[in-house]
Amino acid sequence: MQDFFGSIRRSIVFPTPPSHATDDGRRFTGIANKIGSAIRKSRIGLKSPPPPPPPPPIRWRKGELIGSGAFGRVYMGMNLDSGELIAVKQVLIEPGFAFKENTQANIRELEEEVKLLKNLKHPNIVRYLGTAREEDSLNILLEFVPGGSISSLLGKFGSFPESVIRMYTKQILEGLEYLHNNRIIHRDIKGANILVDNKGCIKLADFGASRKVVEL
């Protein structure tokens, strides 16, 4: 009798799990392990890939003067690797003038222009190609727009027909919409800063006065 009650006590305190319960536990453990493995893999996949290496500097040669202003001068240039014609916006840093206030202001203006242009990609925004700093100058390499500015075209051809005005205005507004969507204000829209290529495509240029709007 004592053995009988002892057996009952052991079965109550340490019940032997049925075989199907053991199988269920193993299946649960396997599923849990798979879920954990998937989570670990997903975390690994969330890591940002390393940034691509910067493009090599453009080898270029300066050509004829095509424009000038208070900031410096604009030259036609050539990409010596691709043969592409480019525009070179240049500020001279002459010996003895490196610390003049106006020279420093022009350099800061070009550097701010680069910060904005390098992240802009739109068919109606002049394309940024690179920067070349030399001992006596700072140069911004830009897309060359062969048609010149709207101001120069008005001087050559007179007033535009209404159809051309509509086409140009539409493209100007599309470029400005892109800038505003990126929280950038151009602040210097005028005929001299609106370029036209040989197919009638508008390119907004000269971002020296532009500013990025920062939300407080």
C-alpha atoms as a PDB file:
ATOM      1  CA  MET A   1       0.000   0.000   0.000  1.00  0.00           C
ATOM      2  CA  GLN A   2       2.843   2.358   0.867  1.00  0.00           C
ATOM      3  CA  ASP A   3       4.397   1.692  -2.516  1.00  0.00           C
ATOM      4  CA  PHE A   4       1.065   2.442  -4.148  1.00  0.00           C
ATOM      5  CA  PHE A   5       0.693   5.891  -2.503  1.00  0.00           C
ATOM      6  CA  GLY A   6       4.349   6.663  -3.138  1.00  0.00           C
ATOM      7  CA  SER A   7       3.815   5.978  -6.810  1.00  0.00           C
ATOM      8  CA  ILE A   8       0.787   8.312  -6.831  1.00  0.00           C
ATOM      9  CA  ARG A   9       2.782  11.104  -5.128  1.00  0.00           C
ATOM     10  CA  ARG A  10       5.586  10.788  -7.661  1.00  0.00           C
ATOM     11  CA  SER A  11       3.127  10.905 -10.545  1.00  0.00           C
ATOM     12  CA  ILE A  12       1.540  14.100  -9.135  1.00  0.00           C
ATOM     13  CA  VAL A  13       4.797  15.951  -8.375  1.00  0.00           C
ATOM     14  CA  PHE A  14       6.690  14.786 -11.425  1.00  0.00           C
ATOM     15  CA  PRO A  15       4.125  13.939 -14.068  1.00  0.00           C
ATOM     16  CA  THR A  16       5.526  12.253 -17.112  1.00  0.00           C
ATOM     17  CA  PRO A  17       4.622  14.364 -20.172  1.00  0.00           C
ATOM     18  CA  PRO A  18       2.824  12.538 -22.916  1.00  0.00           C
ATOM     19  CA  SER A  19       4.765  11.955 -26.108  1.00  0.00           C
ATOM     20  CA  HIS A  20       2.606  14.362 -28.161  1.00  0.00           C
ATOM     21  CA  ALA A  21       3.317  17.195 -25.645  1.00  0.00           C
ATOM     22  CA  THR A  22       7.053  16.616 -26.048  1.00  0.00           C
ATOM     23  CA  ASP A  23       6.687  16.810 -29.825  1.00  0.00           C
ATOM     24  CA  ASP A  24       4.716  20.061 -29.519  1.00  0.00           C
ATOM     25  CA  GLY A  25       7.440  21.565 -27.334  1.00  0.00           C
ATOM     26  CA  ARG A  26      10.119  20.613 -29.811  1.00  0.00           C
ATOM     27  CA  ARG A  27       8.138  22.136 -32.649  1.00  0.00           C
ATOM     28  CA  PHE A  28       7.639  25.339 -30.636  1.00  0.00           C
ATOM     29  CA  THR A  29      11.359  25.530 -29.854  1.00  0.00           C
ATOM     30  CA  GLY A  30      12.191  25.060 -33.524  1.00  0.00           C
ATOM     31  CA  ILE A  31       9.788  27.805 -34.577  1.00  0.00           C
ATOM     32  CA  ALA A  32      11.170  30.155 -31.919  1.00  0.00           C
ATOM     33  CA  ASN A  33      14.721  29.504 -33.126  1.00  0.00           C
ATOM     34  CA  LYS A  34      13.707  30.251 -36.727  1.00  0.00           C
ATOM     35  CA  ILE A  35      12.017  33.501 -35.686  1.00  0.00           C
ATOM     36  CA  GLY A  36      15.090  34.559 -33.716  1.00  0.00           C
ATOM     37  CA  SER A  37      17.332  33.771 -36.667  1.00  0.00           C
ATOM     38  CA  ALA A  38      15.105  35.791 -39.017  1.00  0.00           C
ATOM     39  CA  ILE A  39      15.156  38.772 -36.644  1.00  0.00           C
ATOM     40  CA  ARG A  40      18.954  38.644 -36.413  1.00  0.00           C
ATOM     41  CA  LYS A  41      19.253  38.504 -40.206  1.00  0.00           C
ATOM     42  CA  SER A  42      16.829  41.410 -40.616  1.00  0.00           C
ATOM     43  CA  ARG A  43      18.878  43.491 -38.191  1.00  0.00           C
ATOM     44  CA  ILE A  44      21.997  42.754 -40.182  1.00  0.00           C
ATOM     45  CA  GLY A  45      20.176  43.789 -43.367  1.00  0.00           C
ATOM     46  CA  LEU A  46      19.156  47.114 -41.798  1.00  0.00           C
ATOM     47  CA  LYS A  47      22.753  48.272 -41.561  1.00  0.00           C
ATOM     48  CA  SER A  48      23.408  51.075 -44.052  1.00  0.00           C
ATOM     49  CA  PRO A  49      25.747  50.117 -46.886  1.00  0.00           C
ATOM     50  CA  PRO A  50      29.009  52.062 -47.022  1.00  0.00           C
ATOM     51  CA  PRO A  51      28.785  55.268 -49.097  1.00  0.00           C
ATOM     52  CA  PRO A  52      30.131  55.025 -52.645  1.00  0.00           C
ATOM     53  CA  PRO A  53      33.630  56.415 -53.167  1.00  0.00           C
ATOM     54  CA  PRO A  54      33.751  60.009 -54.444  1.00  0.00           C
ATOM     55  CA  PRO A  55      34.220  60.368 -58.200  1.00  0.00           C
ATOM     56  CA  PRO A  56      37.747  61.167 -59.370  1.00  0.00           C
ATOM     57  CA  PRO A  57      38.481  64.876 -59.929  1.00  0.00           C
ATOM     58  CA  ILE A  58      37.753  66.187 -63.404  1.00  0.00           C
ATOM     59  CA  ARG A  59      40.755  67.027 -65.550  1.00  0.00           C
ATOM     60  CA  TRP A  60      39.873  70.240 -67.318  1.00  0.00           C
ATOM     61  CA  ARG A  61      41.304  73.137 -69.287  1.00  0.00           C
ATOM     62  CA  LYS A  62      40.129  76.750 -69.208  1.00  0.00           C
ATOM     63  CA  GLY A  63      38.974  78.400 -72.438  1.00  0.00           C
ATOM     64  CA  GLU A  64      37.503  81.760 -73.378  1.00  0.00           C
ATOM     65  CA  LEU A  65      35.765  84.170 -71.016  1.00  0.00           C
ATOM     66  CA  ILE A  66      31.967  83.972 -71.376  1.00  0.00           C
ATOM     67  CA  GLY A  67      30.779  86.089 -68.429  1.00  0.00           C
ATOM     68  CA  SER A  68      31.816  88.119 -65.403  1.00  0.00           C
ATOM     69  CA  GLY A  69      30.339  89.675 -62.298  1.00  0.00           C
ATOM     70  CA  ALA A  70      31.133  90.969 -58.828  1.00  0.00           C
ATOM     71  CA  PHE A  71      31.939  87.427 -57.620  1.00  0.00           C
ATOM     72  CA  GLY A  72      34.462  86.602 -60.372  1.00  0.00           C
ATOM     73  CA  ARG A  73      34.392  85.286 -63.924  1.00  0.00           C
ATOM     74  CA  VAL A  74      32.856  82.437 -65.926  1.00  0.00           C
ATOM     75  CA  TYR A  75      34.927  80.653 -68.570  1.00  0.00           C
ATOM     76  CA  MET A  76      34.173  77.978 -71.092  1.00  0.00           C
ATOM     77  CA  GLY A  77      36.176  74.864 -70.294  1.00  0.00           C
ATOM     78  CA  MET A  78      36.737  71.370 -71.571  1.00  0.00           C
ATOM     79  CA  ASN A  79      36.665  68.058 -69.721  1.00  0.00           C
ATOM     80  CA  LEU A  80      39.950  66.512 -70.877  1.00  0.00           C
ATOM     81  CA  ASP A  81      38.694  62.968 -70.252  1.00  0.00           C
ATOM     82  CA  SER A  82      35.290  63.106 -71.972  1.00  0.00           C
ATOM     83  CA  GLY A  83      35.669  66.075 -74.320  1.00  0.00           C
ATOM     84  CA  GLU A  84      32.515  67.621 -72.815  1.00  0.00           C
ATOM     85  CA  LEU A  85      32.318  71.417 -72.818  1.00  0.00           C
ATOM     86  CA  ILE A  86      31.789  72.823 -69.320  1.00  0.00           C
ATOM     87  CA  ALA A  87      31.351  76.192 -67.620  1.00  0.00           C
ATOM     88  CA  VAL A  88      33.955  77.211 -65.035  1.00  0.00           C
ATOM     89  CA  LYS A  89      32.928  79.741 -62.391  1.00  0.00           C
ATOM     90  CA  GLN A  90      36.166  81.142 -60.984  1.00  0.00           C
ATOM     91  CA  VAL A  91      37.212  83.377 -58.089  1.00  0.00           C
ATOM     92  CA  LEU A  92      40.856  84.454 -58.078  1.00  0.00           C
ATOM     93  CA  ILE A  93      42.889  84.324 -54.867  1.00  0.00           C
ATOM     94  CA  GLU A  94      45.765  86.613 -55.777  1.00  0.00           C
ATOM     95  CA  PRO A  95      48.895  86.950 -53.595  1.00  0.00           C
ATOM     96  CA  GLY A  96      48.386  89.738 -51.117  1.00  0.00           C
ATOM     97  CA  PHE A  97      44.613  89.638 -51.527  1.00  0.00           C
ATOM     98  CA  ALA A  98      43.856  86.298 -49.884  1.00  0.00           C
ATOM     99  CA  PHE A  99      42.636  87.955 -46.695  1.00  0.00           C
ATOM    100  CA  LYS A 100      40.714  90.812 -48.245  1.00  0.00           C
ATOM    101  CA  GLU A 101      37.139  90.879 -47.066  1.00  0.00           C
ATOM    102  CA  ASN A 102      35.567  90.921 -50.544  1.00  0.00           C
ATOM    103  CA  THR A 103      37.672  87.953 -51.704  1.00  0.00           C
ATOM    104  CA  GLN A 104      36.738  85.948 -48.621  1.00  0.00           C
ATOM    105  CA  ALA A 105      33.075  86.816 -49.149  1.00  0.00           C
ATOM    106  CA  ASN A 106      33.213  85.628 -52.766  1.00  0.00           C
ATOM    107  CA  ILE A 107      34.847  82.358 -51.731  1.00  0.00           C
ATOM    108  CA  ARG A 108      32.236  81.775 -49.019  1.00  0.00           C
ATOM    109  CA  GLU A 109      29.516  82.486 -51.579  1.00  0.00           C
ATOM    110  CA  LEU A 110      30.944  79.903 -53.971  1.00  0.00           C
ATOM    111  CA  GLU A 111      31.286  77.331 -51.188  1.00  0.00           C
ATOM    112  CA  GLU A 112      27.645  77.850 -50.178  1.00  0.00           C
ATOM    113  CA  GLU A 113      26.623  77.516 -53.817  1.00  0.00           C
ATOM    114  CA  VAL A 114      28.463  74.185 -54.044  1.00  0.00           C
ATOM    115  CA  LYS A 115      26.705  72.844 -50.919  1.00  0.00           C
ATOM    116  CA  LEU A 116      23.341  73.470 -52.538  1.00  0.00           C
ATOM    117  CA  LEU A 117      24.123  72.505 -56.128  1.00  0.00           C
ATOM    118  CA  LYS A 118      25.793  69.173 -55.384  1.00  0.00           C
ATOM    119  CA  ASN A 119      22.499  67.712 -54.097  1.00  0.00           C
ATOM    120  CA  LEU A 120      20.229  69.085 -56.839  1.00  0.00           C
ATOM    121  CA  LYS A 121      19.196  66.956 -59.817  1.00  0.00           C
ATOM    122  CA  HIS A 122      16.530  68.375 -62.098  1.00  0.00           C
ATOM    123  CA  PRO A 123      16.355  69.030 -65.856  1.00  0.00           C
ATOM    124  CA  ASN A 124      15.703  72.739 -65.218  1.00  0.00           C
ATOM    125  CA  ILE A 125      18.603  73.238 -62.782  1.00  0.00           C
ATOM    126  CA  VAL A 126      22.143  73.727 -64.071  1.00  0.00           C
ATOM    127  CA  ARG A 127      24.123  70.557 -63.322  1.00  0.00           C
ATOM    128  CA  TYR A 128      27.016  70.648 -60.828  1.00  0.00           C
ATOM    129  CA  LEU A 129      30.066  68.674 -61.987  1.00  0.00           C
ATOM    130  CA  GLY A 130      32.743  69.291 -59.385  1.00  0.00           C
ATOM    131  CA  THR A 131      35.065  71.733 -57.658  1.00  0.00           C
ATOM    132  CA  ALA A 132      38.715  72.444 -58.359  1.00  0.00           C
ATOM    133  CA  ARG A 133      40.733  74.441 -55.835  1.00  0.00           C
ATOM    134  CA  GLU A 134      44.077  75.754 -57.025  1.00  0.00           C
ATOM    135  CA  GLU A 135      46.738  77.931 -55.415  1.00  0.00           C
ATOM    136  CA  ASP A 136      45.401  81.108 -56.996  1.00  0.00           C
ATOM    137  CA  SER A 137      41.723  80.300 -57.594  1.00  0.00           C
ATOM    138  CA  LEU A 138      38.587  78.441 -56.553  1.00  0.00           C
ATOM    139  CA  ASN A 139      36.643  76.949 -59.470  1.00  0.00           C
ATOM    140  CA  ILE A 140      33.149  75.473 -59.732  1.00  0.00           C
ATOM    141  CA  LEU A 141      32.687  73.190 -62.731  1.00  0.00           C
ATOM    142  CA  LEU A 142      29.165  73.332 -64.134  1.00  0.00           C
ATOM    143  CA  GLU A 143      27.109  72.158 -67.070  1.00  0.00           C
ATOM    144  CA  PHE A 144      27.735  74.390 -70.087  1.00  0.00           C
ATOM    145  CA  VAL A 145      24.486  75.828 -71.476  1.00  0.00           C
ATOM    146  CA  PRO A 146      25.243  76.958 -75.039  1.00  0.00           C
ATOM    147  CA  GLY A 147      22.238  79.222 -75.649  1.00  0.00           C
ATOM    148  CA  GLY A 148      23.195  81.756 -72.994  1.00  0.00           C
ATOM    149  CA  SER A 149      20.810  83.674 -70.769  1.00  0.00           C
ATOM    150  CA  ILE A 150      17.308  84.923 -71.467  1.00  0.00           C
ATOM    151  CA  SER A 151      18.687  88.459 -71.161  1.00  0.00           C
ATOM    152  CA  SER A 152      21.213  87.859 -73.940  1.00  0.00           C
ATOM    153  CA  LEU A 153      18.603  86.159 -76.147  1.00  0.00           C
ATOM    154  CA  LEU A 154      16.257  89.142 -75.771  1.00  0.00           C
ATOM    155  CA  GLY A 155      19.105  91.385 -76.874  1.00  0.00           C
ATOM    156  CA  LYS A 156      19.756  89.231 -79.942  1.00  0.00           C
ATOM    157  CA  PHE A 157      16.211  88.378 -81.044  1.00  0.00           C
ATOM    158  CA  GLY A 158      13.942  90.943 -79.406  1.00  0.00           C
ATOM    159  CA  SER A 159      10.743  90.066 -77.547  1.00  0.00           C
ATOM    160  CA  PHE A 160       9.687  86.418 -77.568  1.00  0.00           C
ATOM    161  CA  PRO A 161       6.421  85.170 -79.090  1.00  0.00           C
ATOM    162  CA  GLU A 162       3.714  84.132 -76.640  1.00  0.00           C
ATOM    163  CA  SER A 163       4.252  80.407 -77.292  1.00  0.00           C
ATOM    164  CA  VAL A 164       7.925  80.681 -76.305  1.00  0.00           C
ATOM    165  CA  ILE A 165       7.056  82.722 -73.217  1.00  0.00           C
ATOM    166  CA  ARG A 166       4.610  80.022 -72.095  1.00  0.00           C
ATOM    167  CA  MET A 167       7.160  77.264 -72.682  1.00  0.00           C
ATOM    168  CA  TYR A 168       9.932  79.101 -70.815  1.00  0.00           C
ATOM    169  CA  THR A 169       7.632  80.106 -67.943  1.00  0.00           C
ATOM    170  CA  LYS A 170       6.418  76.530 -67.449  1.00  0.00           C
ATOM    171  CA  GLN A 171       9.996  75.269 -67.143  1.00  0.00           C
ATOM    172  CA  ILE A 172      11.014  78.087 -64.792  1.00  0.00           C
ATOM    173  CA  LEU A 173       8.095  77.247 -62.496  1.00  0.00           C
ATOM    174  CA  GLU A 174       8.954  73.537 -62.575  1.00  0.00           C
ATOM    175  CA  GLY A 175      12.529  74.329 -61.539  1.00  0.00           C
ATOM    176  CA  LEU A 176      11.344  76.626 -58.746  1.00  0.00           C
ATOM    177  CA  GLU A 177       8.829  74.035 -57.543  1.00  0.00           C
ATOM    178  CA  TYR A 178      11.651  71.487 -57.273  1.00  0.00           C
ATOM    179  CA  LEU A 179      13.761  73.957 -55.283  1.00  0.00           C
ATOM    180  CA  HIS A 180      10.902  74.820 -52.926  1.00  0.00           C
ATOM    181  CA  ASN A 181      10.110  71.136 -52.384  1.00  0.00           C
ATOM    182  CA  ASN A 182      13.728  70.834 -51.249  1.00  0.00           C
ATOM    183  CA  ARG A 183      13.326  73.945 -49.035  1.00  0.00           C
ATOM    184  CA  ILE A 184      15.664  76.073 -51.132  1.00  0.00           C
ATOM    185  CA  ILE A 185      14.963  79.706 -52.024  1.00  0.00           C
ATOM    186  CA  HIS A 186      16.881  80.982 -55.060  1.00  0.00           C
ATOM    187  CA  ARG A 187      16.538  84.695 -54.153  1.00  0.00           C
ATOM    188  CA  ASP A 188      18.030  85.986 -57.428  1.00  0.00           C
ATOM    189  CA  ILE A 189      15.717  85.001 -60.279  1.00  0.00           C
ATOM    190  CA  LYS A 190      16.357  87.339 -63.211  1.00  0.00           C
ATOM    191  CA  GLY A 191      17.020  87.082 -66.935  1.00  0.00           C
ATOM    192  CA  ALA A 192      20.797  86.815 -66.528  1.00  0.00           C
ATOM    193  CA  ASN A 193      20.415  83.767 -64.247  1.00  0.00           C
ATOM    194  CA  ILE A 194      17.987  81.869 -66.490  1.00  0.00           C
ATOM    195  CA  LEU A 195      19.880  79.970 -69.186  1.00  0.00           C
ATOM    196  CA  VAL A 196      18.555  78.285 -72.327  1.00  0.00           C
ATOM    197  CA  ASP A 197      20.213  75.367 -74.103  1.00  0.00           C
ATOM    198  CA  ASN A 198      20.161  74.776 -77.851  1.00  0.00           C
ATOM    199  CA  LYS A 199      16.892  72.789 -77.569  1.00  0.00           C
ATOM    200  CA  GLY A 200      14.977  75.433 -75.640  1.00  0.00           C
ATOM    201  CA  CYS A 201      15.430  73.775 -72.233  1.00  0.00           C
ATOM    202  CA  ILE A 202      15.564  76.246 -69.341  1.00  0.00           C
ATOM    203  CA  LYS A 203      18.330  75.952 -66.726  1.00  0.00           C
ATOM    204  CA  LEU A 204      18.193  77.977 -63.505  1.00  0.00           C
ATOM    205  CA  ALA A 205      21.705  79.105 -62.578  1.00  0.00           C
ATOM    206  CA  ASP A 206      23.739  81.189 -60.109  1.00  0.00           C
ATOM    207  CA  PHE A 207      22.849  79.902 -56.649  1.00  0.00           C
ATOM    208  CA  GLY A 208      25.257  82.199 -54.803  1.00  0.00           C
ATOM    209  CA  ALA A 209      22.434  84.074 -53.075  1.00  0.00           C
ATOM    210  CA  SER A 210      20.317  80.965 -52.443  1.00  0.00           C
ATOM    211  CA  ARG A 211      19.498  79.744 -48.973  1.00  0.00           C
ATOM    212  CA  LYS A 212      18.153  76.522 -47.489  1.00  0.00           C
ATOM    213  CA  VAL A 213      15.153  77.043 -45.229  1.00  0.00           C
ATOM    214  CA  VAL A 214      15.627  75.447 -41.811  1.00  0.00           C
ATOM    215  CA  GLU A 215      12.540  74.580 -39.766  1.00  0.00           C
ATOM    216  CA  LEU A 216      12.716  75.617 -36.112  1.00  0.00           C
END
